[in-house]
C-alpha cells in the first residue's frame, strides 16, 4: 500500500531520500487519478528497494500543491537527492513512469 504524505512528512521522506522518489499528486474527485491508483500500487511493489513511491492528496496538502505549482492532477514528480528530476502530467502507461524513475 502506497504511503500518503503530508507537509510534515514530505521533507523527511522525499527531500532527505538518497533513492529516487515518485510523488503522485492526486485528488479523490479526479477520474484519471482513480484510474492510475492501481498502476501506482503495482509500481510501488515492483520497485520496492529501488525507489520510494508516495501519494499526496492536493486537497489535504494544499501547501505542497502550491509549493510545486500543481495545476492539474494527476501530476507525478520524480525527486532525487531533494531535487525534482522529472515530471509527468496525466494518466500514462506504467512503463513510462518506471523508465523515468529508473533514469533519474
C-alpha atoms as a PDB file:
ATOM      1  CA  UNK A   1       0.000   0.000   0.000  1.00  0.00           C
ATOM      2  CA  UNK A   2       1.382   3.361  -1.028  1.00  0.00           C
ATOM      3  CA  UNK A   3       2.003   5.798   1.816  1.00  0.00           C
ATOM      4  CA  UNK A   4       0.362   9.205   1.887  1.00  0.00           C
ATOM      5  CA  UNK A   5       2.465  12.266   2.641  1.00  0.00           C
ATOM      6  CA  UNK A   6       1.631  15.463   4.456  1.00  0.00           C
ATOM      7  CA  UNK A   7       3.584  18.712   4.534  1.00  0.00           C
ATOM      8  CA  UNK A   8       5.110  17.466   7.804  1.00  0.00           C
ATOM      9  CA  UNK A   9       6.340  14.132   6.417  1.00  0.00           C
ATOM     10  CA  UNK A  10       7.307  15.364   2.933  1.00  0.00           C
ATOM     11  CA  UNK A  11      10.770  16.671   3.837  1.00  0.00           C
ATOM     12  CA  UNK A  12      11.753  13.546   5.739  1.00  0.00           C
ATOM     13  CA  UNK A  13      10.521  11.069   3.152  1.00  0.00           C
ATOM     14  CA  UNK A  14      11.237  12.931  -0.100  1.00  0.00           C
ATOM     15  CA  UNK A  15      13.807  15.688   0.333  1.00  0.00           C
ATOM     16  CA  UNK A  16      16.123  13.603   2.522  1.00  0.00           C
ATOM     17  CA  UNK A  17      15.931  10.426   0.428  1.00  0.00           C
ATOM     18  CA  UNK A  18      19.018   9.191  -1.392  1.00  0.00           C
ATOM     19  CA  UNK A  19      16.954   6.895  -3.629  1.00  0.00           C
ATOM     20  CA  UNK A  20      14.548   8.125  -6.325  1.00  0.00           C
ATOM     21  CA  UNK A  21      11.089   9.105  -5.079  1.00  0.00           C
ATOM     22  CA  UNK A  22       7.920   9.237  -7.176  1.00  0.00           C
ATOM     23  CA  UNK A  23       5.253  11.509  -5.710  1.00  0.00           C
ATOM     24  CA  UNK A  24       1.727  11.137  -7.078  1.00  0.00           C
ATOM     25  CA  UNK A  25      -0.123  14.424  -6.589  1.00  0.00           C
ATOM     26  CA  UNK A  26      -3.794  13.438  -6.874  1.00  0.00           C
ATOM     27  CA  UNK A  27      -7.340  14.305  -5.811  1.00  0.00           C
ATOM     28  CA  UNK A  28     -10.094  11.965  -4.638  1.00  0.00           C
ATOM     29  CA  UNK A  29     -12.552  13.512  -7.129  1.00  0.00           C
ATOM     30  CA  UNK A  30     -10.226  13.037 -10.142  1.00  0.00           C
ATOM     31  CA  UNK A  31     -11.177  10.289 -12.620  1.00  0.00           C
ATOM     32  CA  UNK A  32      -7.711   9.832 -14.180  1.00  0.00           C
ATOM     33  CA  UNK A  33      -6.241   9.734 -10.644  1.00  0.00           C
ATOM     34  CA  UNK A  34      -8.540   6.837  -9.751  1.00  0.00           C
ATOM     35  CA  UNK A  35      -7.537   5.105 -12.979  1.00  0.00           C
ATOM     36  CA  UNK A  36      -3.829   5.490 -12.116  1.00  0.00           C
ATOM     37  CA  UNK A  37      -4.163   4.325  -8.479  1.00  0.00           C
ATOM     38  CA  UNK A  38      -3.717   0.587  -9.214  1.00  0.00           C
ATOM     39  CA  UNK A  39      -0.796   1.398 -11.544  1.00  0.00           C
ATOM     40  CA  UNK A  40       0.930   3.328  -8.751  1.00  0.00           C
ATOM     41  CA  UNK A  41       0.353   0.432  -6.328  1.00  0.00           C
ATOM     42  CA  UNK A  42       1.903  -2.007  -8.829  1.00  0.00           C
ATOM     43  CA  UNK A  43       4.911   0.273  -9.312  1.00  0.00           C
ATOM     44  CA  UNK A  44       5.372   0.528  -5.553  1.00  0.00           C
ATOM     45  CA  UNK A  45       5.560  -3.265  -5.330  1.00  0.00           C
ATOM     46  CA  UNK A  46       7.771  -3.730  -8.387  1.00  0.00           C
ATOM     47  CA  UNK A  47      10.272  -1.018  -7.410  1.00  0.00           C
ATOM     48  CA  UNK A  48      10.479  -1.841  -3.696  1.00  0.00           C
ATOM     49  CA  UNK A  49      14.098  -1.369  -2.641  1.00  0.00           C
ATOM     50  CA  UNK A  50      14.920   0.681  -5.776  1.00  0.00           C
ATOM     51  CA  UNK A  51      12.636   3.689  -5.303  1.00  0.00           C
ATOM     52  CA  UNK A  52      10.056   5.102  -2.929  1.00  0.00           C
ATOM     53  CA  UNK A  53       6.541   5.921  -4.061  1.00  0.00           C
ATOM     54  CA  UNK A  54       4.190   8.231  -2.199  1.00  0.00           C
ATOM     55  CA  UNK A  55       0.837   9.922  -2.751  1.00  0.00           C
ATOM     56  CA  UNK A  56      -0.157  13.492  -1.884  1.00  0.00           C
ATOM     57  CA  UNK A  57      -3.834  14.462  -1.767  1.00  0.00           C
ATOM     58  CA  UNK A  58      -3.761  18.031  -3.073  1.00  0.00           C
ATOM     59  CA  UNK A  59      -6.949  18.924  -1.189  1.00  0.00           C
ATOM     60  CA  UNK A  60      -5.444  17.868   2.137  1.00  0.00           C
ATOM     61  CA  UNK A  61      -1.919  19.144   1.437  1.00  0.00           C
ATOM     62  CA  UNK A  62      -2.610  22.432  -0.340  1.00  0.00           C
ATOM     63  CA  UNK A  63       0.714  23.888   0.824  1.00  0.00           C
ATOM     64  CA  UNK A  64       2.615  21.162  -1.060  1.00  0.00           C
ATOM     65  CA  UNK A  65       0.426  21.585  -4.144  1.00  0.00           C
ATOM     66  CA  UNK A  66       1.219  25.309  -4.132  1.00  0.00           C
ATOM     67  CA  UNK A  67       4.933  24.751  -3.484  1.00  0.00           C
ATOM     68  CA  UNK A  68       5.212  22.555  -6.586  1.00  0.00           C
ATOM     69  CA  UNK A  69       2.712  24.546  -8.700  1.00  0.00           C
ATOM     70  CA  UNK A  70       0.367  21.607  -9.221  1.00  0.00           C
ATOM     71  CA  UNK A  71      -2.217  22.858 -11.715  1.00  0.00           C
ATOM     72  CA  UNK A  72      -3.680  19.556 -12.877  1.00  0.00           C
ATOM     73  CA  UNK A  73      -3.934  16.061 -11.468  1.00  0.00           C
ATOM     74  CA  UNK A  74      -2.578  13.539 -11.592  1.00  0.00           C
ATOM     75  CA  UNK A  75       0.895  15.039 -11.610  1.00  0.00           C
ATOM     76  CA  UNK A  76       3.783  12.674 -10.976  1.00  0.00           C
ATOM     77  CA  UNK A  77       7.044  14.228  -9.790  1.00  0.00           C
ATOM     78  CA  UNK A  78      10.292  12.321  -9.518  1.00  0.00           C
ATOM     79  CA  UNK A  79      12.742  13.537  -6.891  1.00  0.00           C
ATOM     80  CA  UNK A  80      16.324  12.503  -6.298  1.00  0.00           C
ATOM     81  CA  UNK A  81      18.600  13.998  -3.637  1.00  0.00           C
ATOM     82  CA  UNK A  82      15.959  16.601  -2.792  1.00  0.00           C
ATOM     83  CA  UNK A  83      15.582  17.899  -6.356  1.00  0.00           C
ATOM     84  CA  UNK A  84      12.808  17.480  -8.915  1.00  0.00           C
ATOM     85  CA  UNK A  85      14.345  15.408 -11.703  1.00  0.00           C
ATOM     86  CA  UNK A  86      11.282  14.835 -13.860  1.00  0.00           C
ATOM     87  CA  UNK A  87       7.549  15.417 -14.038  1.00  0.00           C
ATOM     88  CA  UNK A  88       4.708  13.640 -15.841  1.00  0.00           C
ATOM     89  CA  UNK A  89       1.189  15.017 -16.228  1.00  0.00           C
ATOM     90  CA  UNK A  90      -1.949  12.924 -16.631  1.00  0.00           C
ATOM     91  CA  UNK A  91      -2.639   9.236 -16.952  1.00  0.00           C
ATOM     92  CA  UNK A  92       0.309   7.458 -18.575  1.00  0.00           C
ATOM     93  CA  UNK A  93       1.415   3.838 -19.067  1.00  0.00           C
ATOM     94  CA  UNK A  94       3.117   2.223 -16.077  1.00  0.00           C
ATOM     95  CA  UNK A  95       6.277   1.531 -18.082  1.00  0.00           C
ATOM     96  CA  UNK A  96       6.684   5.244 -18.879  1.00  0.00           C
ATOM     97  CA  UNK A  97       6.733   6.081 -15.154  1.00  0.00           C
ATOM     98  CA  UNK A  98       9.023   3.143 -14.359  1.00  0.00           C
ATOM     99  CA  UNK A  99      11.508   4.228 -17.043  1.00  0.00           C
ATOM    100  CA  UNK A 100      11.559   7.821 -15.777  1.00  0.00           C
ATOM    101  CA  UNK A 101      12.163   6.658 -12.196  1.00  0.00           C
ATOM    102  CA  UNK A 102      14.997   4.343 -13.260  1.00  0.00           C
ATOM    103  CA  UNK A 103      16.597   7.077 -15.385  1.00  0.00           C
ATOM    104  CA  UNK A 104      16.519   9.718 -12.650  1.00  0.00           C
END
